[in-house]
Amino acid sequence: MTRILTIALLTLGDPGRLTGGYLYHQRLVQLAPRHRSRIQFVSFPDRPFPLAALEAPRVLRQSHALRADVLVLDSIAAAFLGPWLTIRPPTAPLVGMLHQPPGGIDHGPLRTMIQARLDSLAYHHATCLMVASESLADDLQAAGVPRARLRVVPPGRDVAAVVGPSPGDLRMGRRAAYLCVGNWVERKGMHHLLAAVARLPADAVTLHLAGDDRADPRYAARLRARLAQPDLAGRVVVHGPLPLDRVAALYQAADAFVLPSLKEPYGTVYGEAMAFGLPVVGWRAGNLPYLAEHEREGLLVAPGDLASLSEALLRLADDPSLRAKLGAAARERALARPTWEESAALFFQTVQEAVCGRASQPVLATHR
């Protein structure tokens, strides 16, 4: 009988969080048995940076106690392991799983600089680095990482195995219903989205927001204050965090997807929306230009150009035939991307090759 491969996935805090990277890992956990594998989470405590690094010896001991065949290091925790690995290299093969560039994407300049150096200390000991997108692979290669050390393992295009019950008419008497899926953190740009919607005629669109509205309390207070203004009254529906089947139902019922995020190393939600045949609207930034082309699968505008963002939203609201055309192209392009089952196969193949000492060879196909 083939032995089960045991993977210790080193991450930060609660692995059950509803963010892109954590959801990515949860899907891999679900699919692991199909690949004769099991994933065990080992978490650093979620403490103020960089105090979690003090727990590195415990995390490694716990991984050893699991008799892990390989360590997969989540990029959100890399900085906390890096310094320790310079003293005591890992006894099991180490593979990086990068959902963000070295230094992260949500911090100020000083922390980004320090964290990038600490991240690099950890990645130096990795057999290979799996990355969630072509744009992130390009960024790392530009920073000097040999392409042969990189494997692009994107998230699957399928959001849920089952679509939940219909949420009903999302338009609510207006010309179009737009969906935004994302946690309430500033880099997602929801304050820009609300400003753009406020510029539209009152009967143009109903906007639906799905995601954790408590992720950043200060930013959430800012958004709630904006939502309370008369020019948005009754035009925005806040759904909060939802299970995947209900998110899928919102995709299915919406007319278009919009997320003006400045920093999306992949942007899983864009790919999910496109798979449901939704045209996508957002800034021409991050990974979105790798996923959709302007005027082909969506409308991409210059970052920070509120007038153009508002014009794009109004254009789609006024032109159902354009929505249908862009949406059909979006679905066609999305269906060429891997499913979660296919992405999981890439992930577990890479991990298995690291255990066998063959991961230095560029064996995995990449997807645009």
Protein backbone atom coordinates (compact mmCIF):
# COMPACT_ATOMS: atom_id res chain seq x y z
CA MET A 1 0.00 0.00 0.00
CA THR A 2 1.28 3.47 -0.91
CA ARG A 3 2.19 5.50 2.16
CA ILE A 4 0.26 8.70 2.80
CA LEU A 5 2.41 11.80 2.26
CA THR A 6 2.28 14.05 5.32
CA ILE A 7 2.59 17.77 4.67
CA ALA A 8 3.05 20.33 7.44
CA LEU A 9 1.70 23.65 6.17
CA LEU A 10 3.27 26.44 8.21
CA THR A 11 1.00 29.47 8.36
CA LEU A 12 -0.03 32.37 10.60
CA GLY A 13 -2.97 32.41 12.99
CA ASP A 14 -6.30 30.75 12.27
CA PRO A 15 -6.15 28.70 9.03
CA GLY A 16 -9.94 28.90 8.80
CA ARG A 17 -9.96 32.60 7.88
CA LEU A 18 -11.99 33.69 4.86
CA THR A 19 -9.25 35.27 2.78
CA GLY A 20 -7.85 34.18 -0.56
CA GLY A 21 -4.68 32.51 0.71
CA TYR A 22 -6.37 30.68 3.58
CA LEU A 23 -9.25 29.52 1.36
CA TYR A 24 -6.66 28.29 -1.14
CA HIS A 25 -5.11 26.10 1.55
CA GLN A 26 -8.49 24.85 2.76
CA ARG A 27 -9.33 23.62 -0.74
CA LEU A 28 -6.01 21.75 -0.89
CA VAL A 29 -6.78 20.12 2.46
CA GLN A 30 -10.11 18.89 1.08
CA LEU A 31 -8.49 17.46 -2.05
CA ALA A 32 -5.39 15.97 -0.38
CA PRO A 33 -6.83 12.44 0.10
CA ARG A 34 -7.30 12.10 -3.66
CA HIS A 35 -3.54 12.57 -3.98
CA ARG A 36 -2.56 10.13 -1.21
CA SER A 37 -1.65 13.06 1.01
CA ARG A 38 -2.74 14.85 4.13
CA ILE A 39 -2.09 18.44 5.17
CA GLN A 40 -1.65 19.40 8.80
CA PHE A 41 -1.63 23.10 9.70
CA VAL A 42 1.04 24.34 12.09
CA SER A 43 0.49 28.00 12.94
CA PHE A 44 2.59 30.82 14.24
CA PRO A 45 0.60 32.92 16.72
CA ASP A 46 -0.90 36.07 15.26
CA ARG A 47 1.17 38.59 17.24
CA PRO A 48 2.49 42.06 16.42
CA PHE A 49 5.32 41.88 13.93
CA PRO A 50 7.91 40.39 14.39
CA LEU A 51 7.16 38.74 17.76
CA ALA A 52 5.76 35.59 16.18
CA ALA A 53 9.34 34.69 15.16
CA LEU A 54 9.97 33.69 18.77
CA GLU A 55 7.72 30.70 18.14
CA ALA A 56 9.77 29.30 15.25
CA PRO A 57 11.44 26.55 17.33
CA ARG A 58 8.03 25.39 18.59
CA VAL A 59 6.59 25.38 15.06
CA LEU A 60 9.47 23.26 13.80
CA ARG A 61 9.21 20.87 16.77
CA GLN A 62 5.50 20.47 16.15
CA SER A 63 6.15 19.77 12.47
CA HIS A 64 8.73 17.16 13.44
CA ALA A 65 6.25 15.57 15.85
CA LEU A 66 3.83 15.15 12.95
CA ARG A 67 6.58 13.24 11.12
CA ALA A 68 6.03 15.53 8.18
CA ASP A 69 7.62 14.44 4.93
CA VAL A 70 7.77 18.03 3.69
CA LEU A 71 7.22 21.54 5.04
CA VAL A 72 5.15 23.95 2.96
CA LEU A 73 5.76 27.52 4.09
CA ASP A 74 2.94 30.01 3.60
CA SER A 75 4.32 33.38 2.49
CA ILE A 76 2.36 35.10 5.26
CA ALA A 77 4.56 33.28 7.81
CA ALA A 78 7.90 33.18 5.98
CA ALA A 79 9.45 36.12 7.83
CA PHE A 80 9.00 34.40 11.18
CA LEU A 81 10.84 31.25 10.12
CA GLY A 82 13.62 32.87 8.09
CA PRO A 83 15.98 33.93 10.91
CA TRP A 84 15.77 30.55 12.61
CA LEU A 85 16.61 28.66 9.41
CA THR A 86 19.92 30.52 9.16
CA ILE A 87 20.85 28.88 12.46
CA ARG A 88 19.25 25.49 11.97
CA PRO A 89 18.24 24.47 8.43
CA PRO A 90 15.11 22.30 8.17
CA THR A 91 15.50 18.54 8.43
CA ALA A 92 12.63 17.96 5.97
CA PRO A 93 12.39 19.44 2.45
CA LEU A 94 10.98 22.97 2.48
CA VAL A 95 8.72 24.34 -0.26
CA GLY A 96 7.48 27.93 -0.38
CA MET A 97 3.84 28.73 -1.15
CA LEU A 98 3.69 32.39 -2.12
CA HIS A 99 0.44 34.33 -2.27
CA GLN A 100 2.26 37.66 -1.97
CA PRO A 101 5.69 39.06 -2.85
CA PRO A 102 8.49 39.22 -0.26
CA GLY A 103 7.58 41.95 2.20
CA GLY A 104 3.83 41.47 1.81
CA ILE A 105 1.28 43.88 0.36
CA ASP A 106 -0.48 45.48 3.32
CA HIS A 107 2.34 47.21 5.21
CA GLY A 108 4.21 50.49 5.32
CA PRO A 109 7.64 50.97 3.68
CA LEU A 110 9.74 50.15 6.77
CA ARG A 111 8.01 46.90 7.62
CA THR A 112 7.88 45.90 3.95
CA MET A 113 11.65 46.34 3.68
CA ILE A 114 12.39 44.38 6.87
CA GLN A 115 9.90 41.64 6.11
CA ALA A 116 11.20 41.24 2.56
CA ARG A 117 14.68 40.50 3.92
CA LEU A 118 13.33 38.03 6.46
CA ASP A 119 11.16 36.36 3.83
CA SER A 120 14.19 35.96 1.59
CA LEU A 121 16.11 34.23 4.39
CA ALA A 122 13.39 31.58 4.49
CA TYR A 123 13.05 31.19 0.72
CA HIS A 124 16.81 30.66 0.42
CA HIS A 125 16.31 27.28 2.11
CA ALA A 126 13.33 26.26 -0.05
CA THR A 127 13.71 23.55 -2.67
CA CYS A 128 11.32 25.49 -4.87
CA LEU A 129 8.77 28.28 -4.65
CA MET A 130 5.18 27.77 -5.69
CA VAL A 131 3.46 31.02 -6.62
CA ALA A 132 -0.22 31.74 -7.14
CA SER A 133 0.05 33.72 -10.38
CA GLU A 134 2.10 34.54 -13.44
CA SER A 135 2.33 38.18 -12.35
CA LEU A 136 3.90 37.14 -9.04
CA ALA A 137 6.30 34.81 -10.87
CA ASP A 138 7.30 37.68 -13.16
CA ASP A 139 7.88 39.96 -10.15
CA LEU A 140 10.08 37.38 -8.42
CA GLN A 141 12.04 36.68 -11.58
CA ALA A 142 12.62 40.40 -12.03
CA ALA A 143 13.92 40.46 -8.45
CA GLY A 144 16.51 37.81 -9.29
CA VAL A 145 14.81 34.50 -8.49
CA PRO A 146 15.70 31.96 -11.21
CA ARG A 147 12.60 30.92 -13.15
CA ALA A 148 13.56 27.26 -12.69
CA ARG A 149 12.88 27.62 -8.96
CA LEU A 150 9.32 28.88 -9.56
CA ARG A 151 6.15 26.85 -10.12
CA VAL A 152 2.90 28.65 -10.91
CA VAL A 153 0.05 26.90 -9.10
CA PRO A 154 -3.00 29.15 -9.51
CA PRO A 155 -6.22 28.81 -7.56
CA GLY A 156 -9.01 26.94 -9.27
CA ARG A 157 -11.63 28.79 -11.25
CA ASP A 158 -14.52 26.95 -9.53
CA VAL A 159 -15.73 28.72 -6.39
CA ALA A 160 -17.92 25.94 -4.97
CA ALA A 161 -18.99 22.40 -5.84
CA VAL A 162 -22.65 23.37 -5.34
CA VAL A 163 -24.35 26.70 -6.00
CA GLY A 164 -26.57 27.84 -3.15
CA PRO A 165 -30.19 28.96 -3.37
CA SER A 166 -30.97 31.93 -5.60
CA PRO A 167 -30.66 35.28 -3.84
CA GLY A 168 -33.50 36.64 -5.95
CA ASP A 169 -33.50 39.75 -8.14
CA LEU A 170 -30.27 41.56 -7.30
CA ARG A 171 -31.12 44.53 -9.50
CA MET A 172 -33.88 45.67 -7.15
CA GLY A 173 -35.58 47.73 -9.83
CA ARG A 174 -32.41 49.16 -11.36
CA ARG A 175 -30.78 48.50 -14.71
CA ALA A 176 -27.99 46.22 -13.48
CA ALA A 177 -26.69 44.41 -10.41
CA TYR A 178 -22.98 44.57 -9.67
CA LEU A 179 -21.16 42.24 -7.29
CA CYS A 180 -17.98 42.93 -5.33
CA VAL A 181 -16.42 40.08 -3.33
CA GLY A 182 -13.63 41.03 -0.96
CA ASN A 183 -12.81 41.63 2.66
CA TRP A 184 -13.00 45.21 3.86
CA VAL A 185 -9.34 46.23 3.77
CA GLU A 186 -8.11 49.43 2.15
CA ARG A 187 -6.12 47.89 -0.70
CA LYS A 188 -9.34 46.37 -2.08
CA GLY A 189 -10.40 49.90 -3.03
CA MET A 190 -14.02 49.70 -1.92
CA HIS A 191 -14.00 53.38 -0.96
CA HIS A 192 -13.22 54.11 -4.62
CA LEU A 193 -16.03 51.80 -5.69
CA LEU A 194 -18.57 53.56 -3.46
CA ALA A 195 -17.45 56.94 -4.78
CA ALA A 196 -17.82 55.71 -8.37
CA VAL A 197 -21.30 54.30 -7.72
CA ALA A 198 -22.39 57.55 -6.06
CA ARG A 199 -21.65 59.37 -9.33
CA LEU A 200 -24.12 57.21 -11.26
CA PRO A 201 -27.80 57.97 -11.82
CA ALA A 202 -29.87 56.63 -8.95
CA ASP A 203 -31.62 54.08 -11.18
CA ALA A 204 -28.42 52.71 -12.77
CA VAL A 205 -27.07 49.95 -10.53
CA THR A 206 -27.51 48.11 -7.27
CA LEU A 207 -24.16 47.16 -5.75
CA HIS A 208 -23.77 44.03 -3.62
CA LEU A 209 -20.80 43.67 -1.25
CA ALA A 210 -19.84 40.19 -0.03
CA GLY A 211 -16.90 39.66 2.32
CA ASP A 212 -15.71 40.16 5.86
CA ASP A 213 -16.88 43.64 6.85
CA ARG A 214 -14.90 43.46 10.12
CA ALA A 215 -11.47 42.61 8.70
CA ASP A 216 -10.14 46.12 9.42
CA PRO A 217 -12.37 47.92 11.96
CA ARG A 218 -11.01 51.39 11.17
CA TYR A 219 -11.51 50.98 7.43
CA ALA A 220 -14.92 49.41 8.01
CA ALA A 221 -16.01 52.46 10.00
CA ARG A 222 -14.91 54.64 7.10
CA LEU A 223 -16.96 52.60 4.63
CA ARG A 224 -20.03 52.52 6.86
CA ALA A 225 -19.89 56.28 7.24
CA ARG A 226 -19.81 56.60 3.45
CA LEU A 227 -22.68 54.15 3.03
CA ALA A 228 -24.78 56.25 5.39
CA GLN A 229 -24.60 59.27 3.07
CA PRO A 230 -27.84 60.15 1.20
CA ASP A 231 -26.32 59.67 -2.28
CA LEU A 232 -25.92 55.91 -1.62
CA ALA A 233 -29.16 55.32 0.25
CA GLY A 234 -30.75 52.04 -0.82
CA ARG A 235 -28.21 51.47 -3.59
CA VAL A 236 -25.73 49.18 -1.79
CA VAL A 237 -26.47 45.84 -0.10
CA VAL A 238 -23.93 44.59 2.47
CA HIS A 239 -24.00 40.80 2.74
CA GLY A 240 -20.99 40.32 5.03
CA PRO A 241 -19.01 37.05 5.05
CA LEU A 242 -20.82 34.20 3.29
CA PRO A 243 -20.23 30.49 2.73
CA LEU A 244 -18.90 29.57 -0.70
CA ASP A 245 -22.18 28.22 -2.04
CA ARG A 246 -23.93 31.53 -1.34
CA VAL A 247 -21.09 33.48 -2.92
CA ALA A 248 -21.50 31.27 -5.98
CA ALA A 249 -25.23 32.08 -6.04
CA LEU A 250 -24.42 35.80 -6.05
CA TYR A 251 -22.04 35.34 -8.97
CA GLN A 252 -24.77 33.49 -10.83
CA ALA A 253 -27.37 36.22 -10.24
CA ALA A 254 -25.21 39.32 -10.87
CA ASP A 255 -24.73 41.22 -14.15
CA ALA A 256 -21.08 42.19 -13.68
CA PHE A 257 -18.23 41.98 -11.19
CA VAL A 258 -16.27 44.97 -9.94
CA LEU A 259 -13.29 45.20 -7.59
CA PRO A 260 -10.96 48.22 -7.90
CA SER A 261 -8.08 46.60 -6.00
CA LEU A 262 -4.57 47.95 -6.39
CA LYS A 263 -2.68 44.89 -5.17
CA GLU A 264 -3.97 41.45 -6.06
CA PRO A 265 -1.15 38.91 -6.48
CA TYR A 266 -3.78 36.66 -8.08
CA GLY A 267 -7.32 37.91 -7.52
CA THR A 268 -9.17 34.61 -7.17
CA VAL A 269 -12.53 36.38 -7.20
CA TYR A 270 -11.92 37.82 -10.68
CA GLY A 271 -11.36 34.32 -12.05
CA GLU A 272 -14.41 32.96 -10.24
CA ALA A 273 -16.62 35.76 -11.58
CA MET A 274 -15.37 35.20 -15.12
CA ALA A 275 -16.15 31.49 -14.87
CA PHE A 276 -19.76 32.50 -14.16
CA GLY A 277 -19.80 34.61 -17.31
CA LEU A 278 -19.47 38.00 -15.64
CA PRO A 279 -17.54 40.85 -17.23
CA VAL A 280 -15.01 42.23 -14.77
CA VAL A 281 -14.27 45.86 -13.95
CA GLY A 282 -11.25 47.08 -12.01
CA TRP A 283 -8.00 48.96 -12.03
CA ARG A 284 -5.39 47.98 -14.58
CA ALA A 285 -3.13 46.75 -11.78
CA GLY A 286 -1.89 43.65 -9.99
CA ASN A 287 -2.81 40.38 -11.67
CA LEU A 288 -6.04 41.56 -13.31
CA PRO A 289 -4.37 42.42 -16.65
CA TYR A 290 -3.13 38.81 -16.72
CA LEU A 291 -6.68 37.52 -16.29
CA ALA A 292 -8.73 39.87 -18.48
CA GLU A 293 -8.13 42.20 -21.39
CA HIS A 294 -9.75 45.62 -21.64
CA GLU A 295 -12.76 45.61 -24.00
CA ARG A 296 -12.51 41.83 -24.37
CA GLU A 297 -13.43 40.23 -21.03
CA GLY A 298 -14.06 43.39 -19.06
CA LEU A 299 -13.27 47.05 -18.64
CA LEU A 300 -9.93 47.94 -17.04
CA VAL A 301 -9.18 51.55 -16.15
CA ALA A 302 -6.16 53.44 -14.92
CA PRO A 303 -5.63 53.11 -11.15
CA GLY A 304 -7.22 55.95 -9.23
CA ASP A 305 -9.21 57.31 -12.19
CA LEU A 306 -12.61 57.58 -10.52
CA ALA A 307 -14.26 59.26 -13.48
CA SER A 308 -13.26 56.41 -15.80
CA LEU A 309 -14.33 53.81 -13.26
CA SER A 310 -17.75 55.43 -12.96
CA GLU A 311 -18.03 55.68 -16.75
CA ALA A 312 -17.22 51.97 -17.10
CA LEU A 313 -19.91 51.05 -14.59
CA LEU A 314 -22.49 53.21 -16.33
CA ARG A 315 -21.52 51.90 -19.75
CA LEU A 316 -22.19 48.31 -18.71
CA ALA A 317 -25.44 49.27 -16.97
CA ASP A 318 -26.71 50.97 -20.13
CA ASP A 319 -25.63 48.27 -22.59
CA PRO A 320 -26.88 44.71 -21.91
CA SER A 321 -25.45 43.51 -25.23
CA LEU A 322 -21.98 44.68 -24.19
CA ARG A 323 -22.36 42.89 -20.85
CA ALA A 324 -23.32 39.72 -22.68
CA LYS A 325 -20.43 39.99 -25.14
CA LEU A 326 -17.78 40.64 -22.49
CA GLY A 327 -19.29 38.05 -20.17
CA ALA A 328 -19.21 35.32 -22.83
CA ALA A 329 -15.56 36.08 -23.56
CA ALA A 330 -14.79 36.10 -19.83
CA ARG A 331 -16.35 32.68 -19.36
CA GLU A 332 -14.50 31.26 -22.37
CA ARG A 333 -11.17 32.52 -21.06
CA ALA A 334 -11.87 31.38 -17.50
CA LEU A 335 -12.77 27.86 -18.59
CA ALA A 336 -9.30 27.54 -20.11
CA ARG A 337 -7.84 27.93 -16.62
CA PRO A 338 -7.43 25.01 -14.21
CA THR A 339 -10.10 23.75 -11.88
CA TRP A 340 -9.27 23.25 -8.22
CA GLU A 341 -8.71 19.56 -8.93
CA GLU A 342 -6.18 20.41 -11.63
CA SER A 343 -4.45 23.01 -9.45
CA ALA A 344 -4.29 20.53 -6.59
CA ALA A 345 -2.62 18.02 -8.90
CA LEU A 346 0.06 20.62 -9.69
CA PHE A 347 0.52 21.41 -6.01
CA PHE A 348 0.88 17.81 -4.85
CA GLN A 349 3.10 16.90 -7.79
CA THR A 350 5.48 19.70 -6.81
CA VAL A 351 5.47 18.65 -3.17
CA GLN A 352 6.09 15.01 -4.08
CA GLU A 353 9.00 15.97 -6.30
CA ALA A 354 10.51 18.02 -3.48
CA VAL A 355 10.41 14.93 -1.27
CA CYS A 356 12.01 12.88 -4.03
CA GLY A 357 14.67 15.53 -4.65
CA ARG A 358 13.54 16.38 -8.19
CA ALA A 359 11.89 19.79 -7.73
CA SER A 360 14.84 21.71 -9.16
CA GLN A 361 13.60 20.77 -12.64
CA PRO A 362 10.93 23.03 -14.24
CA VAL A 363 8.19 20.44 -14.73
CA LEU A 364 4.90 22.24 -14.19
CA ALA A 365 2.93 24.08 -16.81
CA THR A 366 1.85 27.64 -16.09
CA HIS A 367 -1.50 29.23 -16.83
CA ARG A 368 -2.35 32.75 -17.93
